[in-house]
């Protein structure tokens, strides 16, 4: 083996491996699916809670009881503050990427 061949063999050991596009696509696809499921679950939770609040307000208004309307609106306010706190904590918490 000549000196040039030894040098080329040594340099070949240091070259990084080529990225596997199929593996990268599979991983990115799986991450995208997990994010889509999480976003859908978050949206569904908002819809369910919002629907429950609207139904509670509608029932209180149909009953004609102003005290019930006030209690429902206070509950909505409390849920809004709790949602804001949870959202803020979710934004501040460190995330793994």
PDB file of N, CA and C in Angstrom:
ATOM      1  N   UNK A   1       0.862  -1.170   0.000  1.00  0.00           N
ATOM      2  CA  UNK A   1       0.000   0.000   0.000  1.00  0.00           C
ATOM      3  C   UNK A   1       0.909   1.234   0.000  1.00  0.00           C
ATOM      4  N   UNK A   2       0.602   2.155  -0.896  1.00  0.00           N
ATOM      5  CA  UNK A   2       1.412   3.359  -0.987  1.00  0.00           C
ATOM      6  C   UNK A   2       0.974   4.362   0.071  1.00  0.00           C
ATOM      7  N   UNK A   3       1.750   5.416   0.210  1.00  0.00           N
ATOM      8  CA  UNK A   3       1.441   6.450   1.196  1.00  0.00           C
ATOM      9  C   UNK A   3       0.124   7.154   0.852  1.00  0.00           C
ATOM     10  N   UNK A   4      -0.113   7.354  -0.430  1.00  0.00           N
ATOM     11  CA  UNK A   4      -1.375   7.989  -0.840  1.00  0.00           C
ATOM     12  C   UNK A   4      -2.568   7.106  -0.520  1.00  0.00           C
ATOM     13  N   UNK A   5      -2.428   5.812  -0.729  1.00  0.00           N
ATOM     14  CA  UNK A   5      -3.521   4.881  -0.425  1.00  0.00           C
ATOM     15  C   UNK A   5      -3.789   4.824   1.081  1.00  0.00           C
ATOM     16  N   UNK A   6      -2.713   4.857   1.868  1.00  0.00           N
ATOM     17  CA  UNK A   6      -2.885   4.878   3.327  1.00  0.00           C
ATOM     18  C   UNK A   6      -3.596   6.158   3.765  1.00  0.00           C
ATOM     19  N   UNK A   7      -3.195   7.272   3.184  1.00  0.00           N
ATOM     20  CA  UNK A   7      -3.840   8.541   3.506  1.00  0.00           C
ATOM     21  C   UNK A   7      -5.311   8.536   3.107  1.00  0.00           C
ATOM     22  N   UNK A   8      -5.621   8.023   1.934  1.00  0.00           N
ATOM     23  CA  UNK A   8      -7.017   7.953   1.481  1.00  0.00           C
ATOM     24  C   UNK A   8      -7.840   7.019   2.381  1.00  0.00           C
ATOM     25  N   UNK A   9      -7.246   5.904   2.812  1.00  0.00           N
ATOM     26  CA  UNK A   9      -7.949   4.990   3.710  1.00  0.00           C
ATOM     27  C   UNK A   9      -8.205   5.648   5.059  1.00  0.00           C
ATOM     28  N   UNK A  10      -7.230   6.401   5.536  1.00  0.00           N
ATOM     29  CA  UNK A  10      -7.399   7.106   6.800  1.00  0.00           C
ATOM     30  C   UNK A  10      -8.469   8.190   6.679  1.00  0.00           C
ATOM     31  N   UNK A  11      -8.488   8.917   5.574  1.00  0.00           N
ATOM     32  CA  UNK A  11      -9.494   9.960   5.368  1.00  0.00           C
ATOM     33  C   UNK A  11     -10.880   9.362   5.179  1.00  0.00           C
ATOM     34  N   UNK A  12     -10.957   8.162   4.612  1.00  0.00           N
ATOM     35  CA  UNK A  12     -12.249   7.511   4.411  1.00  0.00           C
ATOM     36  C   UNK A  12     -12.892   7.157   5.744  1.00  0.00           C
ATOM     37  N   UNK A  13     -12.069   6.887   6.753  1.00  0.00           N
ATOM     38  CA  UNK A  13     -12.619   6.570   8.071  1.00  0.00           C
ATOM     39  C   UNK A  13     -13.245   7.794   8.737  1.00  0.00           C
ATOM     40  N   UNK A  14     -12.764   8.977   8.415  1.00  0.00           N
ATOM     41  CA  UNK A  14     -13.258  10.198   9.044  1.00  0.00           C
ATOM     42  C   UNK A  14     -14.467  10.802   8.352  1.00  0.00           C
ATOM     43  N   UNK A  15     -14.814  10.328   7.189  1.00  0.00           N
ATOM     44  CA  UNK A  15     -15.948  10.923   6.472  1.00  0.00           C
ATOM     45  C   UNK A  15     -17.250  10.528   7.162  1.00  0.00           C
ATOM     46  N   UNK A  16     -18.151  11.473   7.330  1.00  0.00           N
ATOM     47  CA  UNK A  16     -19.421  11.148   7.974  1.00  0.00           C
ATOM     48  C   UNK A  16     -20.290  10.297   7.059  1.00  0.00           C
ATOM     49  N   UNK A  17     -21.139   9.523   7.663  1.00  0.00           N
ATOM     50  CA  UNK A  17     -22.056   8.681   6.890  1.00  0.00           C
ATOM     51  C   UNK A  17     -23.104   9.557   6.227  1.00  0.00           C
ATOM     52  N   UNK A  18     -23.583   9.111   5.117  1.00  0.00           N
ATOM     53  CA  UNK A  18     -24.620   9.838   4.393  1.00  0.00           C
ATOM     54  C   UNK A  18     -25.942   9.689   5.148  1.00  0.00           C
ATOM     55  N   UNK A  19     -26.725  10.758   5.235  1.00  0.00           N
ATOM     56  CA  UNK A  19     -28.016  10.651   5.922  1.00  0.00           C
ATOM     57  C   UNK A  19     -28.970   9.731   5.158  1.00  0.00           C
ATOM     58  N   UNK A  20     -29.778   9.040   5.908  1.00  0.00           N
ATOM     59  CA  UNK A  20     -30.749   8.121   5.318  1.00  0.00           C
ATOM     60  C   UNK A  20     -32.066   8.865   5.118  1.00  0.00           C
ATOM     61  N   UNK A  21     -32.431   9.183   3.883  1.00  0.00           N
ATOM     62  CA  UNK A  21     -33.649   9.968   3.669  1.00  0.00           C
ATOM     63  C   UNK A  21     -34.922   9.213   4.071  1.00  0.00           C
ATOM     64  N   UNK A  22     -34.921   7.910   3.941  1.00  0.00           N
ATOM     65  CA  UNK A  22     -36.113   7.139   4.314  1.00  0.00           C
ATOM     66  C   UNK A  22     -36.321   7.187   5.823  1.00  0.00           C
ATOM     67  N   UNK A  23     -35.231   7.060   6.572  1.00  0.00           N
ATOM     68  CA  UNK A  23     -35.329   7.131   8.030  1.00  0.00           C
ATOM     69  C   UNK A  23     -35.766   8.526   8.471  1.00  0.00           C
ATOM     70  N   UNK A  24     -35.157   9.556   7.879  1.00  0.00           N
ATOM     71  CA  UNK A  24     -35.536  10.924   8.232  1.00  0.00           C
ATOM     72  C   UNK A  24     -37.008  11.180   7.928  1.00  0.00           C
ATOM     73  N   UNK A  25     -37.475  10.714   6.775  1.00  0.00           N
ATOM     74  CA  UNK A  25     -38.881  10.894   6.420  1.00  0.00           C
ATOM     75  C   UNK A  25     -39.793  10.177   7.410  1.00  0.00           C
ATOM     76  N   UNK A  26     -39.416   8.962   7.791  1.00  0.00           N
ATOM     77  CA  UNK A  26     -40.223   8.209   8.742  1.00  0.00           C
ATOM     78  C   UNK A  26     -40.316   8.898  10.092  1.00  0.00           C
ATOM     79  N   UNK A  27     -39.189   9.406  10.566  1.00  0.00           N
ATOM     80  CA  UNK A  27     -39.176  10.089  11.866  1.00  0.00           C
ATOM     81  C   UNK A  27     -39.987  11.383  11.795  1.00  0.00           C
ATOM     82  N   UNK A  28     -39.755  12.177  10.753  1.00  0.00           N
ATOM     83  CA  UNK A  28     -40.509  13.429  10.611  1.00  0.00           C
ATOM     84  C   UNK A  28     -41.996  13.172  10.446  1.00  0.00           C
ATOM     85  N   UNK A  29     -42.344  12.117   9.737  1.00  0.00           N
ATOM     86  CA  UNK A  29     -43.757  11.774   9.555  1.00  0.00           C
ATOM     87  C   UNK A  29     -44.396  11.389  10.888  1.00  0.00           C
ATOM     88  N   UNK A  30     -43.686  10.604  11.678  1.00  0.00           N
ATOM     89  CA  UNK A  30     -44.210  10.195  12.989  1.00  0.00           C
ATOM     90  C   UNK A  30     -44.376  11.401  13.916  1.00  0.00           C
ATOM     91  N   UNK A  31     -43.404  12.309  13.914  1.00  0.00           N
ATOM     92  CA  UNK A  31     -43.493  13.517  14.740  1.00  0.00           C
ATOM     93  C   UNK A  31     -44.670  14.381  14.290  1.00  0.00           C
ATOM     94  N   UNK A  32     -44.849  14.510  12.972  1.00  0.00           N
ATOM     95  CA  UNK A  32     -45.964  15.307  12.455  1.00  0.00           C
ATOM     96  C   UNK A  32     -47.303  14.703  12.860  1.00  0.00           C
ATOM     97  N   UNK A  33     -47.408  13.376  12.820  1.00  0.00           N
ATOM     98  CA  UNK A  33     -48.660  12.719  13.232  1.00  0.00           C
ATOM     99  C   UNK A  33     -48.937  12.947  14.715  1.00  0.00           C
ATOM    100  N   UNK A  34     -47.894  12.850  15.549  1.00  0.00           N
ATOM    101  CA  UNK A  34     -48.078  13.075  16.985  1.00  0.00           C
ATOM    102  C   UNK A  34     -48.512  14.509  17.257  1.00  0.00           C
ATOM    103  N   UNK A  35     -47.920  15.462  16.543  1.00  0.00           N
ATOM    104  CA  UNK A  35     -48.312  16.858  16.726  1.00  0.00           C
ATOM    105  C   UNK A  35     -49.731  17.100  16.246  1.00  0.00           C
ATOM    106  N   UNK A  36     -50.119  16.447  15.151  1.00  0.00           N
ATOM    107  CA  UNK A  36     -51.477  16.617  14.644  1.00  0.00           C
ATOM    108  C   UNK A  36     -52.500  16.045  15.619  1.00  0.00           C
ATOM    109  N   UNK A  37     -52.208  14.902  16.193  1.00  0.00           N
ATOM    110  CA  UNK A  37     -53.126  14.300  17.169  1.00  0.00           C
ATOM    111  C   UNK A  37     -53.234  15.183  18.406  1.00  0.00           C
ATOM    112  N   UNK A  38     -52.107  15.722  18.871  1.00  0.00           N
ATOM    113  CA  UNK A  38     -52.131  16.605  20.043  1.00  0.00           C
ATOM    114  C   UNK A  38     -52.909  17.880  19.751  1.00  0.00           C
ATOM    115  N   UNK A  39     -52.734  18.445  18.555  1.00  0.00           N
ATOM    116  CA  UNK A  39     -53.470  19.666  18.195  1.00  0.00           C
ATOM    117  C   UNK A  39     -54.965  19.381  18.089  1.00  0.00           C
ATOM    118  N   UNK A  40     -55.317  18.223  17.521  1.00  0.00           N
ATOM    119  CA  UNK A  40     -56.733  17.867  17.413  1.00  0.00           C
ATOM    120  C   UNK A  40     -57.347  17.649  18.788  1.00  0.00           C
ATOM    121  N   UNK A  41     -56.633  16.980  19.684  1.00  0.00           N
ATOM    122  CA  UNK A  41     -57.156  16.750  21.031  1.00  0.00           C
ATOM    123  C   UNK A  41     -57.329  18.074  21.770  1.00  0.00           C
ATOM    124  N   UNK A  42     -56.401  18.995  21.586  1.00  0.00           N
ATOM    125  CA  UNK A  42     -56.494  20.310  22.226  1.00  0.00           C
ATOM    126  C   UNK A  42     -57.710  21.071  21.684  1.00  0.00           C
ATOM    127  N   UNK A  43     -57.895  21.039  20.372  1.00  0.00           N
ATOM    128  CA  UNK A  43     -59.030  21.719  19.764  1.00  0.00           C
ATOM    129  C   UNK A  43     -60.350  21.088  20.221  1.00  0.00           C
ATOM    130  N   UNK A  44     -60.391  19.769  20.299  1.00  0.00           N
ATOM    131  CA  UNK A  44     -61.598  19.080  20.732  1.00  0.00           C
ATOM    132  C   UNK A  44     -61.942  19.426  22.178  1.00  0.00           C
ATOM    133  N   UNK A  45     -60.940  19.534  23.030  1.00  0.00           N
ATOM    134  CA  UNK A  45     -61.186  19.908  24.426  1.00  0.00           C
ATOM    135  C   UNK A  45     -61.770  21.314  24.508  1.00  0.00           C
ATOM    136  N   UNK A  46     -61.259  22.230  23.692  1.00  0.00           N
ATOM    137  CA  UNK A  46     -61.803  23.589  23.676  1.00  0.00           C
ATOM    138  C   UNK A  46     -63.265  23.589  23.217  1.00  0.00           C
ATOM    139  N   UNK A  47     -63.569  22.796  22.203  1.00  0.00           N
ATOM    140  CA  UNK A  47     -64.936  22.740  21.694  1.00  0.00           C
ATOM    141  C   UNK A  47     -65.886  22.177  22.746  1.00  0.00           C
ATOM    142  N   UNK A  48     -65.462  21.129  23.435  1.00  0.00           N
ATOM    143  CA  UNK A  48     -66.321  20.508  24.453  1.00  0.00           C
ATOM    144  C   UNK A  48     -66.564  21.470  25.614  1.00  0.00           C
ATOM    145  N   UNK A  49     -65.513  22.121  26.083  1.00  0.00           N
ATOM    146  CA  UNK A  49     -65.668  23.060  27.199  1.00  0.00           C
ATOM    147  C   UNK A  49     -66.515  24.254  26.768  1.00  0.00           C
ATOM    148  N   UNK A  50     -66.245  24.784  25.584  1.00  0.00           N
ATOM    149  CA  UNK A  50     -67.044  25.912  25.096  1.00  0.00           C
ATOM    150  C   UNK A  50     -68.501  25.547  24.919  1.00  0.00           C
ATOM    151  N   UNK A  51     -68.776  24.360  24.407  1.00  0.00           N
ATOM    152  CA  UNK A  51     -70.159  23.909  24.264  1.00  0.00           C
ATOM    153  C   UNK A  51     -70.850  23.745  25.603  1.00  0.00           C
ATOM    154  N   UNK A  52     -70.116  23.224  26.582  1.00  0.00           N
ATOM    155  CA  UNK A  52     -70.694  23.080  27.915  1.00  0.00           C
ATOM    156  C   UNK A  52     -71.038  24.421  28.532  1.00  0.00           C
ATOM    157  N   UNK A  53     -70.154  25.396  28.347  1.00  0.00           N
ATOM    158  CA  UNK A  53     -70.411  26.734  28.886  1.00  0.00           C
ATOM    159  C   UNK A  53     -71.619  27.353  28.190  1.00  0.00           C
ATOM    160  N   UNK A  54     -71.693  27.217  26.875  1.00  0.00           N
ATOM    161  CA  UNK A  54     -72.842  27.769  26.152  1.00  0.00           C
ATOM    162  C   UNK A  54     -74.150  27.102  26.566  1.00  0.00           C
ATOM    163  N   UNK A  55     -74.112  25.801  26.764  1.00  0.00           N
ATOM    164  CA  UNK A  55     -75.330  25.103  27.206  1.00  0.00           C
ATOM    165  C   UNK A  55     -75.730  25.555  28.612  1.00  0.00           C
ATOM    166  N   UNK A  56     -74.754  25.731  29.488  1.00  0.00           N
ATOM    167  CA  UNK A  56     -75.070  26.183  30.841  1.00  0.00           C
ATOM    168  C   UNK A  56     -75.667  27.588  30.807  1.00  0.00           C
ATOM    169  N   UNK A  57     -75.105  28.465  29.978  1.00  0.00           N
ATOM    170  CA  UNK A  57     -75.660  29.815  29.862  1.00  0.00           C
ATOM    171  C   UNK A  57     -77.072  29.776  29.280  1.00  0.00           C
ATOM    172  N   UNK A  58     -77.275  28.945  28.273  1.00  0.00           N
ATOM    173  CA  UNK A  58     -78.606  28.850  27.656  1.00  0.00           C
ATOM    174  C   UNK A  58     -79.632  28.338  28.657  1.00  0.00           C
ATOM    175  N   UNK A  59     -79.282  27.318  29.432  1.00  0.00           N
ATOM    176  CA  UNK A  59     -80.224  26.784  30.418  1.00  0.00           C
ATOM    177  C   UNK A  59     -80.524  27.820  31.500  1.00  0.00           C
ATOM    178  N   UNK A  60     -79.493  28.552  31.930  1.00  0.00           N
ATOM    179  CA  UNK A  60     -79.718  29.559  32.961  1.00  0.00           C
ATOM    180  C   UNK A  60     -80.598  30.686  32.433  1.00  0.00           C
ATOM    181  N   UNK A  61     -80.397  31.082  31.185  1.00  0.00           N
ATOM    182  CA  UNK A  61     -81.222  32.145  30.609  1.00  0.00           C
ATOM    183  C   UNK A  61     -82.656  31.681  30.377  1.00  0.00           C
ATOM    184  N   UNK A  62     -82.843  30.424  29.997  1.00  0.00           N
ATOM    185  CA  UNK A  62     -84.196  29.900  29.799  1.00  0.00           C
ATOM    186  C   UNK A  62     -84.945  29.810  31.120  1.00  0.00           C
ATOM    187  N   UNK A  63     -84.230  29.523  32.191  1.00  0.00           N
ATOM    188  CA  UNK A  63     -84.878  29.420  33.502  1.00  0.00           C
ATOM    189  C   UNK A  63     -85.276  30.798  34.019  1.00  0.00           C
ATOM    190  N   UNK A  64     -84.638  31.834  33.509  1.00  0.00           N
ATOM    191  CA  UNK A  64     -84.965  33.186  33.931  1.00  0.00           C
ATOM    192  C   UNK A  64     -84.406  33.533  35.295  1.00  0.00           C
ATOM    193  N   UNK A  65     -83.475  32.755  35.769  1.00  0.00           N
ATOM    194  CA  UNK A  65     -82.891  32.976  37.095  1.00  0.00           C
ATOM    195  C   UNK A  65     -81.609  33.783  36.928  1.00  0.00           C
ATOM    196  N   UNK A  66     -81.641  35.036  37.386  1.00  0.00           N
ATOM    197  CA  UNK A  66     -80.468  35.891  37.207  1.00  0.00           C
ATOM    198  C   UNK A  66     -79.296  35.422  38.068  1.00  0.00           C
ATOM    199  N   UNK A  67     -79.572  34.820  39.214  1.00  0.00           N
ATOM    200  CA  UNK A  67     -78.489  34.326  40.067  1.00  0.00           C
ATOM    201  C   UNK A  67     -77.744  33.188  39.370  1.00  0.00           C
ATOM    202  N   UNK A  68     -78.490  32.375  38.640  1.00  0.00           N
ATOM    203  CA  UNK A  68     -77.848  31.271  37.914  1.00  0.00           C
ATOM    204  C   UNK A  68     -76.960  31.811  36.794  1.00  0.00           C
ATOM    205  N   UNK A  69     -77.429  32.859  36.127  1.00  0.00           N
ATOM    206  CA  UNK A  69     -76.631  33.457  35.052  1.00  0.00           C
ATOM    207  C   UNK A  69     -75.341  34.040  35.615  1.00  0.00           C
ATOM    208  N   UNK A  70     -75.440  34.706  36.751  1.00  0.00           N
ATOM    209  CA  UNK A  70     -74.250  35.288  37.371  1.00  0.00           C
ATOM    210  C   UNK A  70     -73.276  34.189  37.785  1.00  0.00           C
ATOM    211  N   UNK A  71     -73.775  33.113  38.342  1.00  0.00           N
ATOM    212  CA  UNK A  71     -72.877  32.034  38.765  1.00  0.00           C
ATOM    213  C   UNK A  71     -72.213  31.375  37.558  1.00  0.00           C
ATOM    214  N   UNK A  72     -72.967  31.216  36.472  1.00  0.00           N
ATOM    215  CA  UNK A  72     -72.378  30.630  35.271  1.00  0.00           C
ATOM    216  C   UNK A  72     -71.302  31.551  34.708  1.00  0.00           C
ATOM    217  N   UNK A  73     -71.579  32.858  34.672  1.00  0.00           N
ATOM    218  CA  UNK A  73     -70.599  33.797  34.135  1.00  0.00           C
ATOM    219  C   UNK A  73     -69.356  33.877  35.026  1.00  0.00           C
ATOM    220  N   UNK A  74     -69.533  33.757  36.333  1.00  0.00           N
ATOM    221  CA  UNK A  74     -68.374  33.729  37.227  1.00  0.00           C
ATOM    222  C   UNK A  74     -67.549  32.462  36.990  1.00  0.00           C
ATOM    223  N   UNK A  75     -68.231  31.368  36.735  1.00  0.00           N
ATOM    224  CA  UNK A  75     -67.518  30.119  36.431  1.00  0.00           C
ATOM    225  C   UNK A  75     -66.738  30.252  35.127  1.00  0.00           C
ATOM    226  N   UNK A  76     -67.338  30.907  34.139  1.00  0.00           N
ATOM    227  CA  UNK A  76     -66.646  31.127  32.864  1.00  0.00           C
ATOM    228  C   UNK A  76     -65.402  31.987  33.097  1.00  0.00           C
ATOM    229  N   UNK A  77     -65.534  33.010  33.918  1.00  0.00           N
ATOM    230  CA  UNK A  77     -64.376  33.850  34.230  1.00  0.00           C
ATOM    231  C   UNK A  77     -63.277  33.071  34.925  1.00  0.00           C
ATOM    232  N   UNK A  78     -63.660  32.231  35.876  1.00  0.00           N
ATOM    233  CA  UNK A  78     -62.668  31.422  36.586  1.00  0.00           C
ATOM    234  C   UNK A  78     -61.983  30.442  35.638  1.00  0.00           C
ATOM    235  N   UNK A  79     -62.764  29.836  34.741  1.00  0.00           N
ATOM    236  CA  UNK A  79     -62.169  28.922  33.765  1.00  0.00           C
ATOM    237  C   UNK A  79     -61.232  29.660  32.813  1.00  0.00           C
ATOM    238  N   UNK A  80     -61.583  30.887  32.468  1.00  0.00           N
ATOM    239  CA  UNK A  80     -60.721  31.675  31.585  1.00  0.00           C
ATOM    240  C   UNK A  80     -59.389  31.969  32.255  1.00  0.00           C
ATOM    241  N   UNK A  81     -59.437  32.352  33.525  1.00  0.00           N
ATOM    242  CA  UNK A  81     -58.196  32.626  34.256  1.00  0.00           C
ATOM    243  C   UNK A  81     -57.372  31.348  34.386  1.00  0.00           C
ATOM    244  N   UNK A  82     -58.032  30.233  34.702  1.00  0.00           N
ATOM    245  CA  UNK A  82     -57.307  28.963  34.820  1.00  0.00           C
ATOM    246  C   UNK A  82     -56.692  28.576  33.471  1.00  0.00           C
ATOM    247  N   UNK A  83     -57.431  28.784  32.386  1.00  0.00           N
ATOM    248  CA  UNK A  83     -56.898  28.485  31.058  1.00  0.00           C
ATOM    249  C   UNK A  83     -55.711  29.353  30.718  1.00  0.00           C
ATOM    250  N   UNK A  84     -55.760  30.609  31.101  1.00  0.00           N
ATOM    251  CA  UNK A  84     -54.648  31.522  30.851  1.00  0.00           C
ATOM    252  C   UNK A  84     -53.407  31.092  31.636  1.00  0.00           C
ATOM    253  N   UNK A  85     -53.616  30.648  32.869  1.00  0.00           N
ATOM    254  CA  UNK A  85     -52.485  30.183  33.681  1.00  0.00           C
ATOM    255  C   UNK A  85     -51.869  28.930  33.067  1.00  0.00           C
ATOM    256  N   UNK A  86     -52.706  27.991  32.661  1.00  0.00           N
ATOM    257  CA  UNK A  86     -52.196  26.761  32.056  1.00  0.00           C
ATOM    258  C   UNK A  86     -51.474  27.077  30.756  1.00  0.00           C
ATOM    259  N   UNK A  87     -52.020  27.967  29.944  1.00  0.00           N
ATOM    260  CA  UNK A  87     -51.384  28.352  28.683  1.00  0.00           C
ATOM    261  C   UNK A  87     -50.023  29.000  28.945  1.00  0.00           C
ATOM    262  N   UNK A  88     -49.978  29.883  29.942  1.00  0.00           N
ATOM    263  CA  UNK A  88     -48.720  30.558  30.260  1.00  0.00           C
ATOM    264  C   UNK A  88     -47.673  29.559  30.750  1.00  0.00           C
ATOM    265  N   UNK A  89     -48.079  28.636  31.602  1.00  0.00           N
ATOM    266  CA  UNK A  89     -47.136  27.626  32.083  1.00  0.00           C
ATOM    267  C   UNK A  89     -46.662  26.731  30.948  1.00  0.00           C
ATOM    268  N   UNK A  90     -47.534  26.442  30.017  1.00  0.00           N
ATOM    269  CA  UNK A  90     -47.139  25.631  28.864  1.00  0.00           C
ATOM    270  C   UNK A  90     -46.145  26.352  27.975  1.00  0.00           C
ATOM    271  N   UNK A  91     -46.257  27.675  27.897  1.00  0.00           N
ATOM    272  CA  UNK A  91     -45.316  28.443  27.078  1.00  0.00           C
ATOM    273  C   UNK A  91     -43.963  28.596  27.764  1.00  0.00           C
ATOM    274  N   UNK A  92     -43.973  28.631  29.095  1.00  0.00           N
ATOM    275  CA  UNK A  92     -42.739  28.870  29.841  1.00  0.00           C
ATOM    276  C   UNK A  92     -41.968  27.570  30.051  1.00  0.00           C
ATOM    277  N   UNK A  93     -42.666  26.437  30.149  1.00  0.00           N
ATOM    278  CA  UNK A  93     -42.016  25.172  30.456  1.00  0.00           C
ATOM    279  C   UNK A  93     -41.042  24.781  29.337  1.00  0.00           C
ATOM    280  N   UNK A  94     -39.908  24.216  29.700  1.00  0.00           N
ATOM    281  CA  UNK A  94     -38.958  23.781  28.672  1.00  0.00           C
ATOM    282  C   UNK A  94     -39.522  22.607  27.884  1.00  0.00           C
ATOM    283  N   UNK A  95     -39.226  22.587  26.600  1.00  0.00           N
ATOM    284  CA  UNK A  95     -39.722  21.514  25.739  1.00  0.00           C
ATOM    285  C   UNK A  95     -38.549  20.733  25.182  1.00  0.00           C
ATOM    286  N   UNK A  96     -38.794  19.466  24.979  1.00  0.00           N
ATOM    287  CA  UNK A  96     -37.789  18.617  24.344  1.00  0.00           C
ATOM    288  C   UNK A  96     -38.022  18.644  22.857  1.00  0.00           C
ATOM    289  N   UNK A  97     -36.951  18.832  22.116  1.00  0.00           N
ATOM    290  CA  UNK A  97     -37.086  18.871  20.646  1.00  0.00           C
ATOM    291  C   UNK A  97     -36.397  17.686  20.049  1.00  0.00           C
TER     292      UNK A  97
END
